[in-house]
Amino acid sequence: MAVKKRRRVIFLDIDGVLNSISRQNECKWETDPHNVDVLNKIVKETGAVVVISSGWRFVYWLGEIRRFLLENGVEADIVDVVSPFLENKGDAVEAWLMRHTKDVDSYVILDDCSFLFHEEQLDKLVETDYRVGLMMSDAQKAISMLSASTGLVG
């Protein structure tokens, strides 16, 4: 029997991470190509998969989010979405990790709102500036965090 490889996981918010306030167009958010390139760098250097933690989970199905992100240049394996039935992001990430503990080697949360997470999750958070989105300095932090294999999330 083959042993399942443990994965590195990125919990991805979209608004304020893959776009910024400057990309708002008539109440429709778009991705910023620079922010997408930065995410792609993290994925390429770490081999991490993406789990959507964005508020978009309340409005769109995983397939719709995946299609939108792939059409906008995201080069990642978008494997899941945290529960849309848990409004609090900290609770939703925690629940997802509890269900997948044996599958996760390390994780990072990319989000522009630290107050949405539990205190014990903040050391896994790379908080972006919603005015500019995901930047190269954020990528370096995320790569470092994902590369520091913990064996078990925690």
C-alpha atoms as a PDB file:
ATOM      1  CA  MET A   1       0.000   0.000   0.000  1.00  0.00           C
ATOM      2  CA  ALA A   2       1.346   3.398  -0.986  1.00  0.00           C
ATOM      3  CA  VAL A   3       1.851   5.980   1.727  1.00  0.00           C
ATOM      4  CA  LYS A   4      -0.058   9.179   1.068  1.00  0.00           C
ATOM      5  CA  LYS A   5       2.244  12.176   0.814  1.00  0.00           C
ATOM      6  CA  ARG A   6       1.525  14.960   3.267  1.00  0.00           C
ATOM      7  CA  ARG A   7       0.813  18.284   1.591  1.00  0.00           C
ATOM      8  CA  ARG A   8       1.657  21.893   2.120  1.00  0.00           C
ATOM      9  CA  VAL A   9      -1.542  23.931   2.123  1.00  0.00           C
ATOM     10  CA  ILE A  10      -2.302  27.573   1.389  1.00  0.00           C
ATOM     11  CA  PHE A  11      -5.596  28.859   2.790  1.00  0.00           C
ATOM     12  CA  LEU A  12      -6.394  31.580   0.290  1.00  0.00           C
ATOM     13  CA  ASP A  13      -8.523  34.661   0.692  1.00  0.00           C
ATOM     14  CA  ILE A  14      -9.144  36.471  -2.602  1.00  0.00           C
ATOM     15  CA  ASP A  15     -10.217  40.060  -1.950  1.00  0.00           C
ATOM     16  CA  GLY A  16      -7.267  41.973  -0.546  1.00  0.00           C
ATOM     17  CA  VAL A  17      -4.858  39.171  -1.491  1.00  0.00           C
ATOM     18  CA  LEU A  18      -5.215  38.500  -5.226  1.00  0.00           C
ATOM     19  CA  ASN A  19      -6.567  41.972  -5.801  1.00  0.00           C
ATOM     20  CA  SER A  20      -6.549  45.285  -4.009  1.00  0.00           C
ATOM     21  CA  ILE A  21      -8.865  48.173  -3.394  1.00  0.00           C
ATOM     22  CA  SER A  22      -7.413  49.814  -6.503  1.00  0.00           C
ATOM     23  CA  ARG A  23      -8.712  46.925  -8.662  1.00  0.00           C
ATOM     24  CA  GLN A  24     -12.348  47.440  -7.706  1.00  0.00           C
ATOM     25  CA  ASN A  25     -14.345  48.075 -10.867  1.00  0.00           C
ATOM     26  CA  GLU A  26     -18.019  48.994 -10.480  1.00  0.00           C
ATOM     27  CA  CYS A  27     -18.395  46.753  -7.413  1.00  0.00           C
ATOM     28  CA  LYS A  28     -16.784  43.848  -9.277  1.00  0.00           C
ATOM     29  CA  TRP A  29     -13.457  42.646  -8.001  1.00  0.00           C
ATOM     30  CA  GLU A  30     -10.806  41.458 -10.398  1.00  0.00           C
ATOM     31  CA  THR A  31      -7.469  39.800  -9.830  1.00  0.00           C
ATOM     32  CA  ASP A  32      -4.282  41.804 -10.132  1.00  0.00           C
ATOM     33  CA  PRO A  33      -1.753  40.053 -12.401  1.00  0.00           C
ATOM     34  CA  HIS A  34       1.106  41.015 -10.068  1.00  0.00           C
ATOM     35  CA  ASN A  35      -0.656  39.483  -7.052  1.00  0.00           C
ATOM     36  CA  VAL A  36      -1.383  36.330  -9.056  1.00  0.00           C
ATOM     37  CA  ASP A  37       2.298  36.096 -10.091  1.00  0.00           C
ATOM     38  CA  VAL A  38       3.309  36.303  -6.437  1.00  0.00           C
ATOM     39  CA  LEU A  39       0.915  33.484  -5.494  1.00  0.00           C
ATOM     40  CA  ASN A  40       2.259  31.411  -8.387  1.00  0.00           C
ATOM     41  CA  LYS A  41       5.797  31.919  -7.060  1.00  0.00           C
ATOM     42  CA  ILE A  42       4.760  30.570  -3.646  1.00  0.00           C
ATOM     43  CA  VAL A  43       3.094  27.542  -5.234  1.00  0.00           C
ATOM     44  CA  LYS A  44       6.013  26.856  -7.564  1.00  0.00           C
ATOM     45  CA  GLU A  45       8.635  27.066  -4.813  1.00  0.00           C
ATOM     46  CA  THR A  46       6.730  25.022  -2.229  1.00  0.00           C
ATOM     47  CA  GLY A  47       4.492  22.676  -4.199  1.00  0.00           C
ATOM     48  CA  ALA A  48       1.595  23.778  -1.992  1.00  0.00           C
ATOM     49  CA  VAL A  49      -2.033  23.182  -2.857  1.00  0.00           C
ATOM     50  CA  VAL A  50      -4.735  25.813  -2.358  1.00  0.00           C
ATOM     51  CA  VAL A  51      -7.820  25.653  -0.168  1.00  0.00           C
ATOM     52  CA  ILE A  52     -10.189  28.593  -0.616  1.00  0.00           C
ATOM     53  CA  SER A  53     -11.004  30.400   2.638  1.00  0.00           C
ATOM     54  CA  SER A  54     -12.363  33.530   0.964  1.00  0.00           C
ATOM     55  CA  GLY A  55     -15.802  34.913   1.649  1.00  0.00           C
ATOM     56  CA  TRP A  56     -16.450  33.988  -1.982  1.00  0.00           C
ATOM     57  CA  ARG A  57     -17.290  30.542  -0.566  1.00  0.00           C
ATOM     58  CA  PHE A  58     -20.647  31.953   0.562  1.00  0.00           C
ATOM     59  CA  VAL A  59     -21.592  32.956  -2.997  1.00  0.00           C
ATOM     60  CA  TYR A  60     -19.796  30.609  -5.420  1.00  0.00           C
ATOM     61  CA  TRP A  61     -19.211  26.881  -5.660  1.00  0.00           C
ATOM     62  CA  LEU A  62     -15.653  25.573  -5.612  1.00  0.00           C
ATOM     63  CA  GLY A  63     -15.788  24.830  -9.350  1.00  0.00           C
ATOM     64  CA  GLU A  64     -16.760  28.420 -10.141  1.00  0.00           C
ATOM     65  CA  ILE A  65     -13.974  29.840  -7.968  1.00  0.00           C
ATOM     66  CA  ARG A  66     -11.455  27.406  -9.425  1.00  0.00           C
ATOM     67  CA  ARG A  67     -12.451  28.289 -12.994  1.00  0.00           C
ATOM     68  CA  PHE A  68     -12.262  32.038 -12.277  1.00  0.00           C
ATOM     69  CA  LEU A  69      -8.812  31.761 -10.689  1.00  0.00           C
ATOM     70  CA  LEU A  70      -7.400  29.503 -13.401  1.00  0.00           C
ATOM     71  CA  GLU A  71      -8.765  31.810 -16.120  1.00  0.00           C
ATOM     72  CA  ASN A  72      -7.008  34.680 -14.348  1.00  0.00           C
ATOM     73  CA  GLY A  73      -3.598  33.037 -14.331  1.00  0.00           C
ATOM     74  CA  VAL A  74      -3.456  31.153 -11.040  1.00  0.00           C
ATOM     75  CA  GLU A  75      -1.228  28.121 -11.544  1.00  0.00           C
ATOM     76  CA  ALA A  76      -2.175  26.066  -8.513  1.00  0.00           C
ATOM     77  CA  ASP A  77      -3.969  22.886  -7.628  1.00  0.00           C
ATOM     78  CA  ILE A  78      -7.118  24.298  -6.008  1.00  0.00           C
ATOM     79  CA  VAL A  79      -8.252  21.280  -4.032  1.00  0.00           C
ATOM     80  CA  ASP A  80     -11.008  22.403  -1.699  1.00  0.00           C
ATOM     81  CA  VAL A  81     -12.915  25.175   0.031  1.00  0.00           C
ATOM     82  CA  VAL A  82     -13.410  25.594   3.770  1.00  0.00           C
ATOM     83  CA  SER A  83     -16.955  25.088   4.986  1.00  0.00           C
ATOM     84  CA  PRO A  84     -19.441  27.734   3.881  1.00  0.00           C
ATOM     85  CA  PHE A  85     -21.504  26.721   6.925  1.00  0.00           C
ATOM     86  CA  LEU A  86     -18.972  28.203   9.352  1.00  0.00           C
ATOM     87  CA  GLU A  87     -19.044  31.973   9.069  1.00  0.00           C
ATOM     88  CA  ASN A  88     -15.911  32.583  11.136  1.00  0.00           C
ATOM     89  CA  LYS A  89     -12.779  31.954   9.051  1.00  0.00           C
ATOM     90  CA  GLY A  90     -10.789  30.787  12.055  1.00  0.00           C
ATOM     91  CA  ASP A  91     -13.430  28.150  12.801  1.00  0.00           C
ATOM     92  CA  ALA A  92     -13.630  27.131   9.137  1.00  0.00           C
ATOM     93  CA  VAL A  93      -9.848  26.697   8.794  1.00  0.00           C
ATOM     94  CA  GLU A  94      -9.694  24.802  12.088  1.00  0.00           C
ATOM     95  CA  ALA A  95     -12.505  22.454  10.999  1.00  0.00           C
ATOM     96  CA  TRP A  96     -10.833  21.795   7.634  1.00  0.00           C
ATOM     97  CA  LEU A  97      -7.517  21.024   9.337  1.00  0.00           C
ATOM     98  CA  MET A  98      -9.180  18.669  11.811  1.00  0.00           C
ATOM     99  CA  ARG A  99     -10.674  16.694   8.915  1.00  0.00           C
ATOM    100  CA  HIS A 100      -7.342  16.595   7.042  1.00  0.00           C
ATOM    101  CA  THR A 101      -4.744  16.470   9.830  1.00  0.00           C
ATOM    102  CA  LYS A 102      -3.045  13.348   8.482  1.00  0.00           C
ATOM    103  CA  ASP A 103      -2.748  14.922   5.020  1.00  0.00           C
ATOM    104  CA  VAL A 104      -1.142  18.245   5.992  1.00  0.00           C
ATOM    105  CA  ASP A 105       2.573  18.786   6.512  1.00  0.00           C
ATOM    106  CA  SER A 106       2.475  22.570   6.892  1.00  0.00           C
ATOM    107  CA  TYR A 107       0.108  25.397   6.094  1.00  0.00           C
ATOM    108  CA  VAL A 108      -0.113  29.133   5.727  1.00  0.00           C
ATOM    109  CA  ILE A 109      -3.074  31.494   5.676  1.00  0.00           C
ATOM    110  CA  LEU A 110      -2.990  34.337   3.134  1.00  0.00           C
ATOM    111  CA  ASP A 111      -5.548  36.926   4.220  1.00  0.00           C
ATOM    112  CA  ASP A 112      -5.893  40.665   4.733  1.00  0.00           C
ATOM    113  CA  CYS A 113      -7.878  40.423   7.993  1.00  0.00           C
ATOM    114  CA  SER A 114      -6.070  39.017  11.031  1.00  0.00           C
ATOM    115  CA  PHE A 115      -9.042  39.602  13.337  1.00  0.00           C
ATOM    116  CA  LEU A 116     -10.947  36.793  11.583  1.00  0.00           C
ATOM    117  CA  PHE A 117      -8.631  34.095  12.956  1.00  0.00           C
ATOM    118  CA  HIS A 118      -7.985  32.455  16.310  1.00  0.00           C
ATOM    119  CA  GLU A 119      -4.967  33.647  18.255  1.00  0.00           C
ATOM    120  CA  GLU A 120      -3.224  30.284  17.844  1.00  0.00           C
ATOM    121  CA  GLN A 121      -3.570  30.610  14.037  1.00  0.00           C
ATOM    122  CA  LEU A 122      -1.859  33.993  13.800  1.00  0.00           C
ATOM    123  CA  ASP A 123       1.637  32.479  13.575  1.00  0.00           C
ATOM    124  CA  LYS A 124       0.459  30.791  10.343  1.00  0.00           C
ATOM    125  CA  LEU A 125      -1.012  34.002   8.920  1.00  0.00           C
ATOM    126  CA  VAL A 126       0.640  36.170   6.302  1.00  0.00           C
ATOM    127  CA  GLU A 127      -1.495  39.278   6.520  1.00  0.00           C
ATOM    128  CA  THR A 128      -1.593  41.237   3.292  1.00  0.00           C
ATOM    129  CA  ASP A 129      -2.330  44.926   2.889  1.00  0.00           C
ATOM    130  CA  TYR A 130      -5.746  45.184   1.218  1.00  0.00           C
ATOM    131  CA  ARG A 131      -4.591  48.338  -0.557  1.00  0.00           C
ATOM    132  CA  VAL A 132      -1.945  46.452  -2.589  1.00  0.00           C
ATOM    133  CA  GLY A 133      -2.672  42.737  -2.174  1.00  0.00           C
ATOM    134  CA  LEU A 134      -0.100  39.934  -2.056  1.00  0.00           C
ATOM    135  CA  MET A 135       3.434  41.271  -2.433  1.00  0.00           C
ATOM    136  CA  MET A 136       6.855  39.650  -2.837  1.00  0.00           C
ATOM    137  CA  SER A 137       7.700  40.310   0.831  1.00  0.00           C
ATOM    138  CA  ASP A 138       4.565  38.331   1.757  1.00  0.00           C
ATOM    139  CA  ALA A 139       5.668  35.533  -0.565  1.00  0.00           C
ATOM    140  CA  GLN A 140       9.014  35.205   1.180  1.00  0.00           C
ATOM    141  CA  LYS A 141       7.266  34.830   4.551  1.00  0.00           C
ATOM    142  CA  ALA A 142       4.825  32.272   3.154  1.00  0.00           C
ATOM    143  CA  ILE A 143       7.564  30.249   1.462  1.00  0.00           C
ATOM    144  CA  SER A 144       9.567  30.196   4.662  1.00  0.00           C
ATOM    145  CA  MET A 145       6.550  29.116   6.719  1.00  0.00           C
ATOM    146  CA  LEU A 146       5.537  26.393   4.270  1.00  0.00           C
ATOM    147  CA  SER A 147       9.082  25.108   3.951  1.00  0.00           C
ATOM    148  CA  ALA A 148       9.392  24.673   7.719  1.00  0.00           C
ATOM    149  CA  SER A 149       7.803  21.242   7.821  1.00  0.00           C
ATOM    150  CA  THR A 150       6.165  20.592  11.151  1.00  0.00           C
ATOM    151  CA  GLY A 151       4.977  17.069  10.507  1.00  0.00           C
ATOM    152  CA  LEU A 152       1.652  17.958  12.083  1.00  0.00           C
ATOM    153  CA  VAL A 153      -0.287  21.143  11.887  1.00  0.00           C
ATOM    154  CA  GLY A 154      -0.630  22.984  15.080  1.00  0.00           C
END
